[in-house]
Each structure stands twice: as C-alpha cells, then as structure tokens.
Amino acid sequence: MTAILIPGKPVAEKIEADLKLAAADFKLKAGRKPGLATILVGNDPSSERYIAIKQKKGQELGFKTEHTHLAEDASTNDLLEVINKYNDDDSVDSMLIQYPTPAQIDFDYCLSAVLPQKDADGMHPLNMGKLALSIPGPVPCTPAAIEELLRYYEIPVSGKHVAILGRGLTLGRPLSLLLSQKREYADAAVSILHSGFKEWPSITRIADIVVAAAGVPGILKKEHVRPQAVVIGAGVRYFGKTLLSDVDDDVAEVASHITPRVGGVGPMTVAMLYKNTIKSAMNSLT
C-alpha cells in the first residue's frame, strides 16, 4: 500500500487567495499596503533562501516588504537598532528575525525587544504565553500550517494521539500547545519526543499522527510508524540545493496519509506568516 499524499500547495493557494483580498481591502482602508519587515544576520545560505522566498511571496500578495541584512559579525546592539527602527515605523505591521542567528547574538533578548503586536512568527514570550493560555494572538507559523493542513484534508485530530518528534521552540513545543487545546481540529493527546530519549520509536509506533520535526534527515523510518498512521514531515535540511526530509521515503509504504518531501508544510508556513501580518495590520486600524 502507498500512502495518500497531502501536499501543502493547494492549502497555501487557498490561504493566499484570501490574503490577496485582505491586503487589497486593508490598502483601501489605510491608504497603504500591509507591511512585513525581515531581518537576516549573517550569510547562512538556507536562511538567505528562506528570506528570498518570503519577500517574493509578500510582493505577489500585495504586501509591502522590507529587509535588512546585517553582517556575520554584527552585534546584539546592531540587531536591536534595526528592531527599534521597525518598532517605530508605522508602515511595518510585523517583523521577522530569521533564525538561527550567529553565536554572538543574544537572540532571545532581541526577540523580546520586538513589539508583541509586530511579532510575525508568534515567538515573542508574551505571544507564546497567550498560546499556552489559549488566548488569541500570533501563532508560530509552522505549527499553524500543520493545523491548517490537517483541517483542509479533514484528518481527525480530536481524541487522537499525536506524537511530535522534536521539541524545538519554533515547532515542537508550540505545536504541542496548539493541538492539545480543547477546540475543533485540536483536542489531541500529545507526546513530545526527542532524539535524546532512546525509546522514542515505542511512542511513535502507537501514535495516530506523527509529526517529524527533529531536523535530522531520514530519522523517521517505516518501522517507527504504526500502519495507517498519518505522517507529517516538518523537519527539513538542505544538502546543497537538495531538500532532505526527516521522513524516510519508505514511510509511505505503511502510512495512510503523508506529506510530500517537497511542497508539504513549507508553502503553508510562508502563507501563515502573511496571515499573521495581515491580522497585525488590521488590528492597527482599531
């Protein structure tokens, strides 16, 4: 048996169509485009690629996009200056600090300096606290994308066991908070696993839905997955220009539904970034 593919592109296109209309509506009301600013520190090739994708997509959707690229040896104070500039700029509704940053940057301190209402990626401590308390606010983009993917393909989540392989701040931890909330397309029992727990396969093998988010290519293999489970590949690494997934190709032999290696969660993550931005923009009008 071969798993049914659940690509993110059709979901992203649906969200993007709504975003184009929302951006045009905002421009009529505000007299300007909704604005997203991105900040990159250093010369990481993958980060540069992600920024280029985000900038291009924003322009296609009718958003104003700004970008600041700081040198590899930039200091925490250099980054703070850029953050404060965008905090004070009324034409910037949201901003994103591309992660990871070089070792000398105090990323957490800089993230806390972003105005919570301008936090495009939902990672500010205040917004993470809102997520934990089920209070509306910006939601981290990849977790929001995964929830939307499950909703679009009508995959039951409520009452199911979701195993997340990866406990990262941008994905595993916020996704566990999101999917365990008591509401439609959530209300799951969630296990957070990581590679330091040697028995993690014993948990993924009994889960209804497995989200691979460890950032280790091929870590999830077919013997780690219960037959007919749903598998979401959310952790990726670039090897040159080749995108490598956490999910081994052989998992498709046992799963009921699976994201493709290319075009899975990724396209939706960018769409959710602009969904957070338009919400920030509309809130600025009230």
C-alpha atoms as a PDB file:
ATOM      1  CA  MET A   1       0.000   0.000   0.000  1.00  0.00           C
ATOM      2  CA  THR A   2       1.163   3.546  -0.764  1.00  0.00           C
ATOM      3  CA  ALA A   3       0.113   6.472   1.433  1.00  0.00           C
ATOM      4  CA  ILE A   4      -2.126   9.221   0.103  1.00  0.00           C
ATOM      5  CA  LEU A   5      -0.113  12.398  -0.420  1.00  0.00           C
ATOM      6  CA  ILE A   6      -1.319  15.512   1.406  1.00  0.00           C
ATOM      7  CA  PRO A   7       0.536  18.395  -0.259  1.00  0.00           C
ATOM      8  CA  GLY A   8       0.566  21.872   1.222  1.00  0.00           C
ATOM      9  CA  LYS A   9       0.392  23.774  -2.052  1.00  0.00           C
ATOM     10  CA  PRO A  10      -3.421  23.577  -2.535  1.00  0.00           C
ATOM     11  CA  VAL A  11      -3.913  24.718   1.071  1.00  0.00           C
ATOM     12  CA  ALA A  12      -1.421  27.556   0.666  1.00  0.00           C
ATOM     13  CA  GLU A  13      -3.106  28.704  -2.549  1.00  0.00           C
ATOM     14  CA  LYS A  14      -6.470  28.888  -0.806  1.00  0.00           C
ATOM     15  CA  ILE A  15      -4.988  30.943   2.063  1.00  0.00           C
ATOM     16  CA  GLU A  16      -3.086  33.176  -0.370  1.00  0.00           C
ATOM     17  CA  ALA A  17      -6.237  33.960  -2.355  1.00  0.00           C
ATOM     18  CA  ASP A  18      -7.843  35.224   0.860  1.00  0.00           C
ATOM     19  CA  LEU A  19      -4.682  37.147   1.745  1.00  0.00           C
ATOM     20  CA  LYS A  20      -4.671  38.999  -1.592  1.00  0.00           C
ATOM     21  CA  LEU A  21      -8.228  40.167  -0.964  1.00  0.00           C
ATOM     22  CA  ALA A  22      -7.428  41.118   2.625  1.00  0.00           C
ATOM     23  CA  ALA A  23      -4.319  43.078   1.576  1.00  0.00           C
ATOM     24  CA  ALA A  24      -6.313  44.991  -1.035  1.00  0.00           C
ATOM     25  CA  ASP A  25      -9.063  45.720   1.492  1.00  0.00           C
ATOM     26  CA  PHE A  26      -6.505  46.981   4.006  1.00  0.00           C
ATOM     27  CA  LYS A  27      -4.951  49.266   1.398  1.00  0.00           C
ATOM     28  CA  LEU A  28      -8.367  50.820   0.703  1.00  0.00           C
ATOM     29  CA  LYS A  29      -8.949  51.448   4.399  1.00  0.00           C
ATOM     30  CA  ALA A  30      -5.440  52.515   5.429  1.00  0.00           C
ATOM     31  CA  GLY A  31      -4.122  54.146   2.271  1.00  0.00           C
ATOM     32  CA  ARG A  32      -1.063  51.886   2.305  1.00  0.00           C
ATOM     33  CA  LYS A  33      -0.092  48.249   1.872  1.00  0.00           C
ATOM     34  CA  PRO A  34       0.257  45.979   4.922  1.00  0.00           C
ATOM     35  CA  GLY A  35       3.955  45.732   5.715  1.00  0.00           C
ATOM     36  CA  LEU A  36       6.320  42.946   6.746  1.00  0.00           C
ATOM     37  CA  ALA A  37       9.989  43.527   7.565  1.00  0.00           C
ATOM     38  CA  THR A  38      12.543  40.726   7.653  1.00  0.00           C
ATOM     39  CA  ILE A  39      15.953  40.799   9.316  1.00  0.00           C
ATOM     40  CA  LEU A  40      18.831  38.475   8.487  1.00  0.00           C
ATOM     41  CA  VAL A  41      22.120  38.376  10.381  1.00  0.00           C
ATOM     42  CA  GLY A  42      24.984  36.618   8.647  1.00  0.00           C
ATOM     43  CA  ASN A  43      25.290  34.657   5.413  1.00  0.00           C
ATOM     44  CA  ASP A  44      23.661  31.293   6.055  1.00  0.00           C
ATOM     45  CA  PRO A  45      22.640  30.027   2.568  1.00  0.00           C
ATOM     46  CA  SER A  46      19.439  28.339   3.769  1.00  0.00           C
ATOM     47  CA  SER A  47      18.357  31.470   5.651  1.00  0.00           C
ATOM     48  CA  GLU A  48      19.061  33.630   2.602  1.00  0.00           C
ATOM     49  CA  ARG A  49      16.933  31.261   0.517  1.00  0.00           C
ATOM     50  CA  TYR A  50      14.055  31.380   3.018  1.00  0.00           C
ATOM     51  CA  ILE A  51      14.141  35.190   3.150  1.00  0.00           C
ATOM     52  CA  ALA A  52      14.056  35.433  -0.649  1.00  0.00           C
ATOM     53  CA  ILE A  53      11.005  33.154  -0.769  1.00  0.00           C
ATOM     54  CA  LYS A  54       9.208  35.189   1.901  1.00  0.00           C
ATOM     55  CA  GLN A  55       9.973  38.513   0.233  1.00  0.00           C
ATOM     56  CA  LYS A  56       8.852  37.320  -3.198  1.00  0.00           C
ATOM     57  CA  LYS A  57       5.617  35.857  -1.863  1.00  0.00           C
ATOM     58  CA  GLY A  58       4.746  39.044   0.013  1.00  0.00           C
ATOM     59  CA  GLN A  59       5.126  41.127  -3.121  1.00  0.00           C
ATOM     60  CA  GLU A  60       2.906  38.700  -5.043  1.00  0.00           C
ATOM     61  CA  LEU A  61       0.215  39.007  -2.363  1.00  0.00           C
ATOM     62  CA  GLY A  62       0.186  42.812  -2.340  1.00  0.00           C
ATOM     63  CA  PHE A  63       2.222  43.403   0.807  1.00  0.00           C
ATOM     64  CA  LYS A  64       4.991  45.934   1.318  1.00  0.00           C
ATOM     65  CA  THR A  65       8.191  44.048   2.135  1.00  0.00           C
ATOM     66  CA  GLU A  66      11.316  45.500   3.718  1.00  0.00           C
ATOM     67  CA  HIS A  67      14.550  43.729   4.507  1.00  0.00           C
ATOM     68  CA  THR A  68      17.699  44.439   6.494  1.00  0.00           C
ATOM     69  CA  HIS A  69      20.758  42.210   6.089  1.00  0.00           C
ATOM     70  CA  LEU A  70      23.369  42.573   8.815  1.00  0.00           C
ATOM     71  CA  ALA A  71      26.922  41.277   8.552  1.00  0.00           C
ATOM     72  CA  GLU A  72      28.075  37.981  10.053  1.00  0.00           C
ATOM     73  CA  ASP A  73      29.953  39.854  12.801  1.00  0.00           C
ATOM     74  CA  ALA A  74      27.037  42.131  13.743  1.00  0.00           C
ATOM     75  CA  SER A  75      26.419  42.585  17.456  1.00  0.00           C
ATOM     76  CA  THR A  76      23.307  42.253  19.566  1.00  0.00           C
ATOM     77  CA  ASN A  77      23.165  46.065  19.711  1.00  0.00           C
ATOM     78  CA  ASP A  78      23.306  46.252  15.908  1.00  0.00           C
ATOM     79  CA  LEU A  79      20.295  43.972  15.705  1.00  0.00           C
ATOM     80  CA  LEU A  80      18.466  45.906  18.430  1.00  0.00           C
ATOM     81  CA  GLU A  81      18.891  49.128  16.437  1.00  0.00           C
ATOM     82  CA  VAL A  82      17.129  47.561  13.455  1.00  0.00           C
ATOM     83  CA  ILE A  83      14.358  46.136  15.645  1.00  0.00           C
ATOM     84  CA  ASN A  84      13.735  49.523  17.265  1.00  0.00           C
ATOM     85  CA  LYS A  85      13.639  51.166  13.839  1.00  0.00           C
ATOM     86  CA  TYR A  86      10.907  48.791  12.693  1.00  0.00           C
ATOM     87  CA  ASN A  87       9.088  49.074  16.035  1.00  0.00           C
ATOM     88  CA  ASP A  88       8.815  52.833  15.428  1.00  0.00           C
ATOM     89  CA  ASP A  89       7.820  52.520  11.756  1.00  0.00           C
ATOM     90  CA  ASP A  90       4.031  52.641  11.391  1.00  0.00           C
ATOM     91  CA  SER A  91       4.271  51.221   7.878  1.00  0.00           C
ATOM     92  CA  VAL A  92       5.723  47.981   9.289  1.00  0.00           C
ATOM     93  CA  ASP A  93       2.953  45.864  10.783  1.00  0.00           C
ATOM     94  CA  SER A  94       5.063  42.786  11.533  1.00  0.00           C
ATOM     95  CA  MET A  95       8.701  41.803  11.579  1.00  0.00           C
ATOM     96  CA  LEU A  96      10.621  38.548  11.472  1.00  0.00           C
ATOM     97  CA  ILE A  97      14.155  37.880  12.730  1.00  0.00           C
ATOM     98  CA  GLN A  98      15.400  34.954  10.662  1.00  0.00           C
ATOM     99  CA  TYR A  99      16.624  32.129  12.898  1.00  0.00           C
ATOM    100  CA  PRO A 100      19.302  30.939  13.529  1.00  0.00           C
ATOM    101  CA  THR A 101      21.497  33.948  14.193  1.00  0.00           C
ATOM    102  CA  PRO A 102      25.293  33.883  14.723  1.00  0.00           C
ATOM    103  CA  ALA A 103      26.533  32.768  18.140  1.00  0.00           C
ATOM    104  CA  GLN A 104      27.391  36.264  19.395  1.00  0.00           C
ATOM    105  CA  ILE A 105      23.761  37.430  19.025  1.00  0.00           C
ATOM    106  CA  ASP A 106      21.514  37.177  22.085  1.00  0.00           C
ATOM    107  CA  PHE A 107      18.521  36.035  20.066  1.00  0.00           C
ATOM    108  CA  ASP A 108      16.108  35.685  22.995  1.00  0.00           C
ATOM    109  CA  TYR A 109      16.885  39.199  24.218  1.00  0.00           C
ATOM    110  CA  CYS A 110      16.387  40.632  20.744  1.00  0.00           C
ATOM    111  CA  LEU A 111      13.150  38.727  20.232  1.00  0.00           C
ATOM    112  CA  SER A 112      11.816  40.193  23.479  1.00  0.00           C
ATOM    113  CA  ALA A 113      12.562  43.684  22.120  1.00  0.00           C
ATOM    114  CA  VAL A 114      10.096  43.206  19.248  1.00  0.00           C
ATOM    115  CA  LEU A 115       6.723  44.767  19.975  1.00  0.00           C
ATOM    116  CA  PRO A 116       4.420  41.772  20.648  1.00  0.00           C
ATOM    117  CA  GLN A 117       1.838  43.105  18.187  1.00  0.00           C
ATOM    118  CA  LYS A 118       4.540  43.180  15.483  1.00  0.00           C
ATOM    119  CA  ASP A 119       5.741  39.624  16.107  1.00  0.00           C
ATOM    120  CA  ALA A 120       5.217  37.953  12.724  1.00  0.00           C
ATOM    121  CA  ASP A 121       6.297  34.491  13.840  1.00  0.00           C
ATOM    122  CA  GLY A 122       4.418  34.324  17.158  1.00  0.00           C
ATOM    123  CA  MET A 123       7.628  33.689  19.075  1.00  0.00           C
ATOM    124  CA  HIS A 124       7.633  36.643  21.478  1.00  0.00           C
ATOM    125  CA  PRO A 125       7.374  35.449  25.130  1.00  0.00           C
ATOM    126  CA  LEU A 126       4.042  37.257  25.530  1.00  0.00           C
ATOM    127  CA  ASN A 127       2.590  35.576  22.447  1.00  0.00           C
ATOM    128  CA  MET A 128       3.885  32.164  23.497  1.00  0.00           C
ATOM    129  CA  GLY A 129       2.186  32.747  26.836  1.00  0.00           C
ATOM    130  CA  LYS A 130      -1.064  33.583  25.047  1.00  0.00           C
ATOM    131  CA  LEU A 131      -0.780  30.329  23.118  1.00  0.00           C
ATOM    132  CA  ALA A 132      -0.295  28.384  26.352  1.00  0.00           C
ATOM    133  CA  LEU A 133      -3.400  30.049  27.804  1.00  0.00           C
ATOM    134  CA  SER A 134      -5.494  29.699  24.612  1.00  0.00           C
ATOM    135  CA  ILE A 135      -5.701  33.486  24.246  1.00  0.00           C
ATOM    136  CA  PRO A 136      -5.893  34.751  20.629  1.00  0.00           C
ATOM    137  CA  GLY A 137      -2.635  36.119  19.251  1.00  0.00           C
ATOM    138  CA  PRO A 138       0.014  35.444  16.594  1.00  0.00           C
ATOM    139  CA  VAL A 139       0.673  31.695  16.364  1.00  0.00           C
ATOM    140  CA  PRO A 140       4.066  30.309  15.283  1.00  0.00           C
ATOM    141  CA  CYS A 141       3.823  29.798  11.551  1.00  0.00           C
ATOM    142  CA  THR A 142       4.804  26.151  11.061  1.00  0.00           C
ATOM    143  CA  PRO A 143       2.549  24.821  13.854  1.00  0.00           C
ATOM    144  CA  ALA A 144      -0.318  26.909  12.452  1.00  0.00           C
ATOM    145  CA  ALA A 145       0.437  25.493   8.999  1.00  0.00           C
ATOM    146  CA  ILE A 146       0.294  21.905  10.270  1.00  0.00           C
ATOM    147  CA  GLU A 147      -3.043  22.507  11.978  1.00  0.00           C
ATOM    148  CA  GLU A 148      -4.419  24.051   8.779  1.00  0.00           C
ATOM    149  CA  LEU A 149      -3.134  21.111   6.725  1.00  0.00           C
ATOM    150  CA  LEU A 150      -4.948  18.613   8.956  1.00  0.00           C
ATOM    151  CA  ARG A 151      -8.111  20.720   8.794  1.00  0.00           C
ATOM    152  CA  TYR A 152      -8.032  21.041   4.995  1.00  0.00           C
ATOM    153  CA  TYR A 153      -7.687  17.289   4.435  1.00  0.00           C
ATOM    154  CA  GLU A 154     -10.292  16.540   7.132  1.00  0.00           C
ATOM    155  CA  ILE A 155      -7.943  14.362   9.138  1.00  0.00           C
ATOM    156  CA  PRO A 156      -9.436  13.758  12.605  1.00  0.00           C
ATOM    157  CA  VAL A 157      -7.380  15.197  15.445  1.00  0.00           C
ATOM    158  CA  SER A 158      -9.769  15.393  18.385  1.00  0.00           C
ATOM    159  CA  GLY A 159      -9.241  12.448  20.726  1.00  0.00           C
ATOM    160  CA  LYS A 160      -6.290  11.173  18.711  1.00  0.00           C
ATOM    161  CA  HIS A 161      -2.720  10.564  19.867  1.00  0.00           C
ATOM    162  CA  VAL A 162      -0.218  12.905  18.215  1.00  0.00           C
ATOM    163  CA  ALA A 163       3.496  12.171  18.615  1.00  0.00           C
ATOM    164  CA  ILE A 164       5.862  15.057  17.819  1.00  0.00           C
ATOM    165  CA  LEU A 165       9.480  14.056  17.265  1.00  0.00           C
ATOM    166  CA  GLY A 166      11.266  17.320  18.084  1.00  0.00           C
ATOM    167  CA  ARG A 167      10.911  19.786  20.953  1.00  0.00           C
ATOM    168  CA  GLY A 168      12.174  22.970  19.290  1.00  0.00           C
ATOM    169  CA  LEU A 169      10.827  26.363  20.265  1.00  0.00           C
ATOM    170  CA  THR A 170       9.698  27.179  16.737  1.00  0.00           C
ATOM    171  CA  LEU A 171       7.832  23.941  16.087  1.00  0.00           C
ATOM    172  CA  GLY A 172       7.582  21.041  18.544  1.00  0.00           C
ATOM    173  CA  ARG A 173       6.692  22.899  21.722  1.00  0.00           C
ATOM    174  CA  PRO A 174       4.184  25.383  20.247  1.00  0.00           C
ATOM    175  CA  LEU A 175       2.597  22.644  18.120  1.00  0.00           C
ATOM    176  CA  SER A 176       2.003  20.585  21.255  1.00  0.00           C
ATOM    177  CA  LEU A 177       0.236  23.553  22.856  1.00  0.00           C
ATOM    178  CA  LEU A 178      -1.830  24.211  19.742  1.00  0.00           C
ATOM    179  CA  LEU A 179      -3.038  20.653  19.128  1.00  0.00           C
ATOM    180  CA  SER A 180      -3.806  19.934  22.789  1.00  0.00           C
ATOM    181  CA  GLN A 181      -6.200  22.890  23.118  1.00  0.00           C
ATOM    182  CA  LYS A 182      -9.856  21.980  23.554  1.00  0.00           C
ATOM    183  CA  ARG A 183     -11.348  23.053  20.223  1.00  0.00           C
ATOM    184  CA  GLU A 184     -12.134  21.714  16.757  1.00  0.00           C
ATOM    185  CA  TYR A 185      -9.155  20.233  14.898  1.00  0.00           C
ATOM    186  CA  ALA A 186      -7.239  20.085  18.153  1.00  0.00           C
ATOM    187  CA  ASP A 187      -8.101  18.401  21.480  1.00  0.00           C
ATOM    188  CA  ALA A 188      -5.483  15.700  20.946  1.00  0.00           C
ATOM    189  CA  ALA A 189      -3.337  13.794  23.424  1.00  0.00           C
ATOM    190  CA  VAL A 190       0.176  14.955  22.544  1.00  0.00           C
ATOM    191  CA  SER A 191       3.545  13.326  23.211  1.00  0.00           C
ATOM    192  CA  ILE A 192       6.687  15.441  22.733  1.00  0.00           C
ATOM    193  CA  LEU A 193       9.718  13.321  21.923  1.00  0.00           C
ATOM    194  CA  HIS A 194      13.348  13.979  21.071  1.00  0.00           C
ATOM    195  CA  SER A 195      16.366  12.009  19.923  1.00  0.00           C
ATOM    196  CA  GLY A 196      17.866  12.073  23.432  1.00  0.00           C
ATOM    197  CA  PHE A 197      15.032   9.757  24.521  1.00  0.00           C
ATOM    198  CA  LYS A 198      16.238   6.448  23.109  1.00  0.00           C
ATOM    199  CA  GLU A 199      12.823   4.800  23.284  1.00  0.00           C
ATOM    200  CA  TRP A 200      11.060   7.388  21.120  1.00  0.00           C
ATOM    201  CA  PRO A 201      10.135   4.750  18.483  1.00  0.00           C
ATOM    202  CA  SER A 202       7.999   2.954  21.075  1.00  0.00           C
ATOM    203  CA  ILE A 203       5.815   6.077  21.227  1.00  0.00           C
ATOM    204  CA  THR A 204       5.664   6.943  17.518  1.00  0.00           C
ATOM    205  CA  ARG A 205       4.648   3.329  16.799  1.00  0.00           C
ATOM    206  CA  ILE A 206       1.407   3.742  18.752  1.00  0.00           C
ATOM    207  CA  ALA A 207       0.500   7.275  17.602  1.00  0.00           C
ATOM    208  CA  ASP A 208      -2.350   8.095  15.225  1.00  0.00           C
ATOM    209  CA  ILE A 209      -0.486  11.123  13.850  1.00  0.00           C
ATOM    210  CA  VAL A 210       3.312  11.502  13.783  1.00  0.00           C
ATOM    211  CA  VAL A 211       4.960  14.873  13.168  1.00  0.00           C
ATOM    212  CA  ALA A 212       8.677  14.575  12.380  1.00  0.00           C
ATOM    213  CA  ALA A 213      10.319  17.847  13.419  1.00  0.00           C
ATOM    214  CA  ALA A 214      13.810  16.874  14.568  1.00  0.00           C
ATOM    215  CA  GLY A 215      15.784  18.350  11.685  1.00  0.00           C
ATOM    216  CA  VAL A 216      17.574  15.014  11.160  1.00  0.00           C
ATOM    217  CA  PRO A 217      17.160  13.710   7.591  1.00  0.00           C
ATOM    218  CA  GLY A 218      15.565  10.265   7.416  1.00  0.00           C
ATOM    219  CA  ILE A 219      15.251   9.818  11.181  1.00  0.00           C
ATOM    220  CA  LEU A 220      11.657   8.523  10.912  1.00  0.00           C
ATOM    221  CA  LYS A 221      11.518   5.167   9.131  1.00  0.00           C
ATOM    222  CA  LYS A 222       8.648   2.802   8.371  1.00  0.00           C
ATOM    223  CA  GLU A 223       9.402   0.588  11.389  1.00  0.00           C
ATOM    224  CA  HIS A 224       8.814   3.646  13.606  1.00  0.00           C
ATOM    225  CA  VAL A 225       5.247   4.203  12.363  1.00  0.00           C
ATOM    226  CA  ARG A 226       2.024   2.372  13.110  1.00  0.00           C
ATOM    227  CA  PRO A 227       0.294   1.075   9.959  1.00  0.00           C
ATOM    228  CA  GLN A 228      -2.341   3.566   8.729  1.00  0.00           C
ATOM    229  CA  ALA A 229      -0.925   6.462  10.775  1.00  0.00           C
ATOM    230  CA  VAL A 230      -0.817   9.993   9.352  1.00  0.00           C
ATOM    231  CA  VAL A 231       2.721  11.327   8.941  1.00  0.00           C
ATOM    232  CA  ILE A 232       3.697  14.994   8.671  1.00  0.00           C
ATOM    233  CA  GLY A 233       7.266  15.802   7.676  1.00  0.00           C
ATOM    234  CA  ALA A 234       8.014  19.181   9.214  1.00  0.00           C
ATOM    235  CA  GLY A 235      11.759  18.955   9.820  1.00  0.00           C
ATOM    236  CA  VAL A 236      13.974  19.604   6.803  1.00  0.00           C
ATOM    237  CA  ARG A 237      17.615  20.242   5.992  1.00  0.00           C
ATOM    238  CA  TYR A 238      19.207  21.451   2.792  1.00  0.00           C
ATOM    239  CA  PHE A 239      22.128  19.457   1.358  1.00  0.00           C
ATOM    240  CA  GLY A 240      23.358  21.874  -1.266  1.00  0.00           C
ATOM    241  CA  LYS A 241      20.187  22.624  -3.224  1.00  0.00           C
ATOM    242  CA  THR A 242      18.517  19.338  -2.264  1.00  0.00           C
ATOM    243  CA  LEU A 243      15.816  19.423   0.407  1.00  0.00           C
ATOM    244  CA  LEU A 244      16.059  16.475   2.803  1.00  0.00           C
ATOM    245  CA  SER A 245      13.109  15.464   4.981  1.00  0.00           C
ATOM    246  CA  ASP A 246      13.061  13.922   8.457  1.00  0.00           C
ATOM    247  CA  VAL A 247      10.753  11.288   6.967  1.00  0.00           C
ATOM    248  CA  ASP A 248      12.372   8.417   5.097  1.00  0.00           C
ATOM    249  CA  ASP A 249      10.804   7.567   1.743  1.00  0.00           C
ATOM    250  CA  ASP A 250       9.853   4.073   2.944  1.00  0.00           C
ATOM    251  CA  VAL A 251       7.348   5.503   5.470  1.00  0.00           C
ATOM    252  CA  ALA A 252       4.895   5.927   2.578  1.00  0.00           C
ATOM    253  CA  GLU A 253       4.622   2.115   2.470  1.00  0.00           C
ATOM    254  CA  VAL A 254       2.824   1.984   5.841  1.00  0.00           C
ATOM    255  CA  ALA A 255       1.226   5.411   6.444  1.00  0.00           C
ATOM    256  CA  SER A 256      -2.333   6.219   5.400  1.00  0.00           C
ATOM    257  CA  HIS A 257      -1.518   9.867   4.576  1.00  0.00           C
ATOM    258  CA  ILE A 258       1.854  11.578   4.244  1.00  0.00           C
ATOM    259  CA  THR A 259       3.237  14.971   3.241  1.00  0.00           C
ATOM    260  CA  PRO A 260       5.487  15.023   0.158  1.00  0.00           C
ATOM    261  CA  ARG A 261       9.201  15.671   0.642  1.00  0.00           C
ATOM    262  CA  VAL A 262       8.898  18.897  -1.380  1.00  0.00           C
ATOM    263  CA  GLY A 263       5.765  21.040  -1.176  1.00  0.00           C
ATOM    264  CA  GLY A 264       4.479  19.766   2.156  1.00  0.00           C
ATOM    265  CA  VAL A 265       4.320  22.100   5.119  1.00  0.00           C
ATOM    266  CA  GLY A 266       6.776  24.641   3.655  1.00  0.00           C
ATOM    267  CA  PRO A 267       4.490  26.606   1.298  1.00  0.00           C
ATOM    268  CA  MET A 268       1.890  26.922   4.038  1.00  0.00           C
ATOM    269  CA  THR A 269       4.392  28.236   6.568  1.00  0.00           C
ATOM    270  CA  VAL A 270       5.018  31.299   4.387  1.00  0.00           C
ATOM    271  CA  ALA A 271       1.272  31.795   3.919  1.00  0.00           C
ATOM    272  CA  MET A 272       0.747  31.715   7.689  1.00  0.00           C
ATOM    273  CA  LEU A 273       3.481  34.340   8.093  1.00  0.00           C
ATOM    274  CA  TYR A 274       1.437  36.732   5.976  1.00  0.00           C
ATOM    275  CA  LYS A 275      -1.759  35.692   7.730  1.00  0.00           C
ATOM    276  CA  ASN A 276      -0.187  36.890  10.987  1.00  0.00           C
ATOM    277  CA  THR A 277       0.932  40.089   9.235  1.00  0.00           C
ATOM    278  CA  ILE A 278      -2.493  40.988   7.889  1.00  0.00           C
ATOM    279  CA  LYS A 279      -4.034  40.390  11.326  1.00  0.00           C
ATOM    280  CA  SER A 280      -1.476  42.774  12.845  1.00  0.00           C
ATOM    281  CA  ALA A 281      -2.218  45.304  10.126  1.00  0.00           C
ATOM    282  CA  MET A 282      -5.981  45.145  10.642  1.00  0.00           C
ATOM    283  CA  ASN A 283      -5.530  45.447  14.417  1.00  0.00           C
ATOM    284  CA  SER A 284      -3.594  48.664  13.847  1.00  0.00           C
ATOM    285  CA  LEU A 285      -6.749  50.250  12.402  1.00  0.00           C
ATOM    286  CA  THR A 286      -8.775  49.769  15.591  1.00  0.00           C
END
